[in-house]
Amino acid sequence: MNPVNPVPSATAPCAAVGLVVLDMAGTTVSDGGLVERAFADAARRLGEDPAPLLPHVRATMGESKISVFRHLFAGDEAKARRATTAFEESYAGLLAAGAVTPVPGAADTVRGLREQGRTVVLTTGFGRATQEALLDALGWRDLADLALCPADAGGRGRPFPDLVLTALLRTGAVDDVARVAVAGDTAYDMLSGVRAGAGLVAGVLTGAHDRGRLVSHGATHVLGSVAELPAAIAGAEAR
């Protein structure tokens, strides 16, 4: 696959990329169905059949988990919170069992981007405890410049632009949102990047959604994996 695979109608950014905002599960971390497994387990713990719930879970991959459960159990905030806790416990158990691995080349990609002088921020729709457990399981505590979860951005995760904008505000890495690159595996990652005004919004094919869905939600590039992102950035800057 061509490592620089721009969407034909996309307008490439002219500014140098100084901040790179990367999703975790499905983008830098191999999902392997772990999120769905944890959602299904959480539903069963609450006495729910997971089968009719999973289509919505798949459609909203990338959204904060509490928001997903609030939709599924509309009007029952206590149940949504119990489900979120059950999800996090289940996912933590999968992490402890060694069921999570990095996307090939992801760690080297982050290191390489930082060596180029770019600031890298890892973001997630997980709660803070789950994100921290994931970072610990991978040995990634010091990999990126910063790691953010929805609670760090006022409680709203994707598809809102908050995580991307919080990354910019917290790091002070750039003075223009056009100098931000966002990469993720879901439609909500794409929407978040577009709504934040990022100059480059890259969808990767290692996670939840296919090329068509990523493009229809604003991807300027579609890549085989995050390992192709440095070349995509370099190509966009060269144009």
Protein backbone atom coordinates (compact mmCIF):
# COMPACT_ATOMS: atom_id res chain seq x y z
CA MET A 1 0.00 0.00 0.00
CA ASN A 2 1.19 3.49 -0.80
CA PRO A 3 2.24 4.92 2.57
CA VAL A 4 1.04 8.37 1.56
CA ASN A 5 -2.54 7.82 0.46
CA PRO A 6 -4.32 11.19 0.39
CA VAL A 7 -8.00 11.46 -0.29
CA PRO A 8 -8.15 13.02 -3.78
CA SER A 9 -10.42 15.89 -2.83
CA ALA A 10 -8.44 16.79 0.29
CA THR A 11 -6.61 20.08 0.59
CA ALA A 12 -3.15 19.46 2.00
CA PRO A 13 -1.97 21.72 4.82
CA CYS A 14 0.76 24.18 4.00
CA ALA A 15 1.98 24.67 7.56
CA ALA A 16 4.58 22.50 9.25
CA VAL A 17 2.98 19.98 11.62
CA GLY A 18 4.10 20.62 15.19
CA LEU A 19 1.50 18.62 17.14
CA VAL A 20 0.39 15.06 16.44
CA VAL A 21 -2.67 13.72 18.28
CA LEU A 22 -2.97 9.93 18.16
CA ASP A 23 -5.80 7.66 19.23
CA MET A 24 -4.86 4.56 21.21
CA ALA A 25 -7.05 1.41 20.81
CA GLY A 26 -7.20 0.47 17.13
CA THR A 27 -4.64 3.08 16.09
CA THR A 28 -1.48 2.67 18.14
CA VAL A 29 -2.74 -0.34 20.11
CA SER A 30 -4.05 -3.50 18.45
CA ASP A 31 -7.66 -3.84 19.50
CA GLY A 32 -8.24 -7.46 18.54
CA GLY A 33 -11.87 -7.14 19.55
CA LEU A 34 -11.00 -6.36 23.18
CA VAL A 35 -13.30 -3.35 23.40
CA GLU A 36 -16.25 -5.36 22.12
CA ARG A 37 -15.43 -8.22 24.49
CA ALA A 38 -15.31 -5.84 27.46
CA PHE A 39 -18.58 -4.18 26.42
CA ALA A 40 -20.28 -7.56 26.08
CA ASP A 41 -19.01 -8.67 29.47
CA ALA A 42 -20.21 -5.42 31.07
CA ALA A 43 -23.67 -5.87 29.54
CA ARG A 44 -23.94 -9.43 30.81
CA ARG A 45 -22.92 -8.34 34.31
CA LEU A 46 -25.90 -5.98 34.29
CA GLY A 47 -28.22 -8.73 33.09
CA GLU A 48 -28.40 -7.43 29.51
CA ASP A 49 -28.09 -9.40 26.28
CA PRO A 50 -25.08 -7.84 24.53
CA ALA A 51 -26.13 -8.87 21.00
CA PRO A 52 -28.61 -6.01 20.33
CA LEU A 53 -26.25 -3.50 21.95
CA LEU A 54 -23.10 -4.27 19.96
CA PRO A 55 -24.18 -2.59 16.68
CA HIS A 56 -24.32 0.76 18.49
CA VAL A 57 -21.00 0.03 20.20
CA ARG A 58 -19.37 -0.65 16.82
CA ALA A 59 -20.91 2.44 15.26
CA THR A 60 -19.64 4.70 18.05
CA MET A 61 -16.13 3.32 18.47
CA GLY A 62 -13.91 6.17 19.62
CA GLU A 63 -16.60 7.84 21.73
CA SER A 64 -16.15 8.05 25.49
CA LYS A 65 -17.41 4.86 27.06
CA ILE A 66 -19.72 6.57 29.56
CA SER A 67 -21.41 8.36 26.64
CA VAL A 68 -21.99 5.06 24.86
CA PHE A 69 -23.61 3.52 27.93
CA ARG A 70 -25.69 6.65 28.53
CA HIS A 71 -27.15 6.19 25.06
CA LEU A 72 -27.73 2.46 25.53
CA PHE A 73 -29.36 2.91 28.93
CA ALA A 74 -31.03 6.27 28.29
CA GLY A 75 -32.62 7.75 31.37
CA ASP A 76 -30.77 5.50 33.79
CA GLU A 77 -27.59 7.34 34.76
CA ALA A 78 -26.83 4.95 37.62
CA LYS A 79 -26.98 1.95 35.30
CA ALA A 80 -24.77 3.70 32.74
CA ARG A 81 -22.19 4.36 35.43
CA ARG A 82 -22.34 0.77 36.70
CA ALA A 83 -21.88 -0.45 33.13
CA THR A 84 -18.88 1.83 32.63
CA THR A 85 -17.27 0.51 35.80
CA ALA A 86 -17.95 -3.07 34.68
CA PHE A 87 -16.44 -2.31 31.27
CA GLU A 88 -13.29 -0.85 32.80
CA GLU A 89 -12.92 -3.83 35.15
CA SER A 90 -13.32 -6.27 32.27
CA TYR A 91 -10.88 -4.40 30.06
CA ALA A 92 -8.36 -4.23 32.92
CA GLY A 93 -8.65 -7.99 33.29
CA LEU A 94 -7.87 -8.46 29.60
CA LEU A 95 -4.86 -6.18 29.98
CA ALA A 96 -3.63 -8.15 32.99
CA ALA A 97 -3.94 -11.34 30.96
CA GLY A 98 -1.61 -9.88 28.33
CA ALA A 99 -4.29 -9.57 25.66
CA VAL A 100 -3.08 -6.20 24.38
CA THR A 101 -0.23 -5.49 21.98
CA PRO A 102 1.01 -2.39 20.17
CA VAL A 103 0.30 -1.89 16.48
CA PRO A 104 3.54 -2.87 14.70
CA GLY A 105 5.78 0.17 14.39
CA ALA A 106 3.59 2.39 16.59
CA ALA A 107 6.13 3.03 19.33
CA ASP A 108 8.90 3.69 16.81
CA THR A 109 6.58 6.07 14.97
CA VAL A 110 5.94 8.10 18.12
CA ARG A 111 9.65 8.21 18.93
CA GLY A 112 10.49 9.21 15.38
CA LEU A 113 7.94 12.02 15.33
CA ARG A 114 9.30 13.37 18.59
CA GLU A 115 12.87 13.16 17.28
CA GLN A 116 11.71 15.36 14.39
CA GLY A 117 10.73 17.99 16.95
CA ARG A 118 7.00 17.27 16.85
CA THR A 119 4.93 16.99 20.03
CA VAL A 120 2.92 13.77 20.31
CA VAL A 121 -0.20 13.31 22.45
CA LEU A 122 -2.01 9.99 22.97
CA THR A 123 -5.78 10.21 23.43
CA THR A 124 -8.54 7.76 24.26
CA GLY A 125 -12.24 7.36 24.92
CA PHE A 126 -11.41 5.22 27.97
CA GLY A 127 -11.56 6.52 31.50
CA ARG A 128 -8.35 7.64 33.16
CA ALA A 129 -7.79 4.44 35.15
CA THR A 130 -8.17 2.30 32.03
CA GLN A 131 -5.87 4.52 30.00
CA GLU A 132 -3.23 4.40 32.71
CA ALA A 133 -3.51 0.62 32.94
CA LEU A 134 -3.10 0.41 29.17
CA LEU A 135 -0.02 2.63 29.21
CA ASP A 136 1.47 0.52 32.00
CA ALA A 137 0.72 -2.75 30.20
CA LEU A 138 2.58 -1.49 27.13
CA GLY A 139 5.38 0.24 29.03
CA TRP A 140 4.38 3.50 27.36
CA ARG A 141 4.26 5.90 30.31
CA ASP A 142 7.08 8.00 28.84
CA LEU A 143 6.51 7.27 25.16
CA ALA A 144 4.55 10.41 24.25
CA ASP A 145 4.67 13.98 25.51
CA LEU A 146 1.19 13.71 27.04
CA ALA A 147 -1.74 11.29 27.39
CA LEU A 148 -5.33 12.56 27.62
CA CYS A 149 -8.72 10.99 28.36
CA PRO A 150 -12.17 12.65 28.18
CA ALA A 151 -12.00 13.75 31.84
CA ASP A 152 -8.97 15.88 30.93
CA ALA A 153 -11.06 17.72 28.35
CA GLY A 154 -14.05 18.65 30.46
CA GLY A 155 -15.72 15.25 30.20
CA ARG A 156 -16.55 15.30 26.50
CA GLY A 157 -14.69 12.90 24.28
CA ARG A 158 -15.02 12.30 20.56
CA PRO A 159 -16.65 13.26 18.24
CA PHE A 160 -16.29 16.64 19.94
CA PRO A 161 -13.05 18.54 19.19
CA ASP A 162 -12.22 18.88 22.88
CA LEU A 163 -9.41 16.29 23.17
CA VAL A 164 -7.54 17.73 20.19
CA LEU A 165 -7.94 21.30 21.41
CA THR A 166 -6.96 20.31 24.94
CA ALA A 167 -3.81 18.71 23.54
CA LEU A 168 -2.98 22.01 21.83
CA LEU A 169 -3.70 24.08 24.94
CA ARG A 170 -1.88 21.79 27.35
CA THR A 171 1.28 21.46 25.25
CA GLY A 172 1.41 24.89 23.63
CA ALA A 173 3.17 23.09 20.79
CA VAL A 174 1.68 25.15 17.94
CA ASP A 175 0.02 28.51 17.42
CA ASP A 176 -2.35 27.39 14.66
CA VAL A 177 -4.70 24.39 14.51
CA ALA A 178 -3.66 23.93 10.88
CA ARG A 179 -0.33 22.70 12.26
CA VAL A 180 -2.04 19.80 14.06
CA ALA A 181 -2.21 16.27 12.65
CA VAL A 182 -4.78 13.83 14.01
CA ALA A 183 -4.79 10.06 13.42
CA GLY A 184 -7.35 7.46 14.43
CA ASP A 185 -9.23 4.37 13.31
CA THR A 186 -12.83 5.55 13.71
CA ALA A 187 -15.30 7.95 12.16
CA TYR A 188 -15.44 9.80 15.47
CA ASP A 189 -11.66 10.31 15.39
CA MET A 190 -12.08 11.91 11.97
CA LEU A 191 -14.94 14.15 13.12
CA SER A 192 -12.96 15.24 16.16
CA GLY A 193 -9.99 16.25 14.02
CA VAL A 194 -12.11 18.06 11.43
CA ARG A 195 -14.11 19.94 14.07
CA ALA A 196 -10.88 21.02 15.78
CA GLY A 197 -9.57 22.42 12.49
CA ALA A 198 -6.60 20.06 12.20
CA GLY A 199 -4.64 20.46 8.99
CA LEU A 200 -4.16 16.72 8.51
CA VAL A 201 -6.73 14.12 9.58
CA ALA A 202 -5.54 10.58 8.91
CA GLY A 203 -7.65 7.47 9.16
CA VAL A 204 -5.86 4.17 9.73
CA LEU A 205 -7.14 0.76 8.66
CA THR A 206 -5.96 -1.20 11.70
CA GLY A 207 -9.09 -0.69 13.76
CA ALA A 208 -12.85 -0.31 13.73
CA HIS A 209 -13.87 1.45 10.50
CA ASP A 210 -13.13 1.03 6.80
CA ARG A 211 -11.83 3.50 4.26
CA GLY A 212 -15.29 4.59 3.09
CA ARG A 213 -16.46 5.45 6.57
CA LEU A 214 -13.24 7.29 7.43
CA VAL A 215 -13.37 9.36 4.23
CA SER A 216 -17.05 10.18 4.61
CA HIS A 217 -16.32 11.61 8.05
CA GLY A 218 -13.50 13.87 6.92
CA ALA A 219 -10.24 11.93 6.56
CA THR A 220 -7.72 13.81 4.44
CA HIS A 221 -5.55 10.67 4.27
CA VAL A 222 -6.22 6.96 4.72
CA LEU A 223 -3.22 4.89 5.78
CA GLY A 224 -2.55 1.20 6.23
CA SER A 225 -1.34 1.89 9.74
CA VAL A 226 0.04 4.61 11.97
CA ALA A 227 3.54 3.58 10.87
CA GLU A 228 2.79 5.37 7.59
CA LEU A 229 1.93 8.66 9.28
CA PRO A 230 5.41 10.26 9.24
CA ALA A 231 5.58 9.87 5.45
CA ALA A 232 2.07 11.27 5.10
CA ILE A 233 3.03 14.30 7.17
CA ALA A 234 6.23 14.83 5.20
CA GLY A 235 4.34 14.56 1.92
CA ALA A 236 1.69 17.05 3.02
CA GLU A 237 4.33 19.51 4.17
CA ALA A 238 6.22 19.17 0.90
CA ARG A 239 3.09 20.11 -1.05
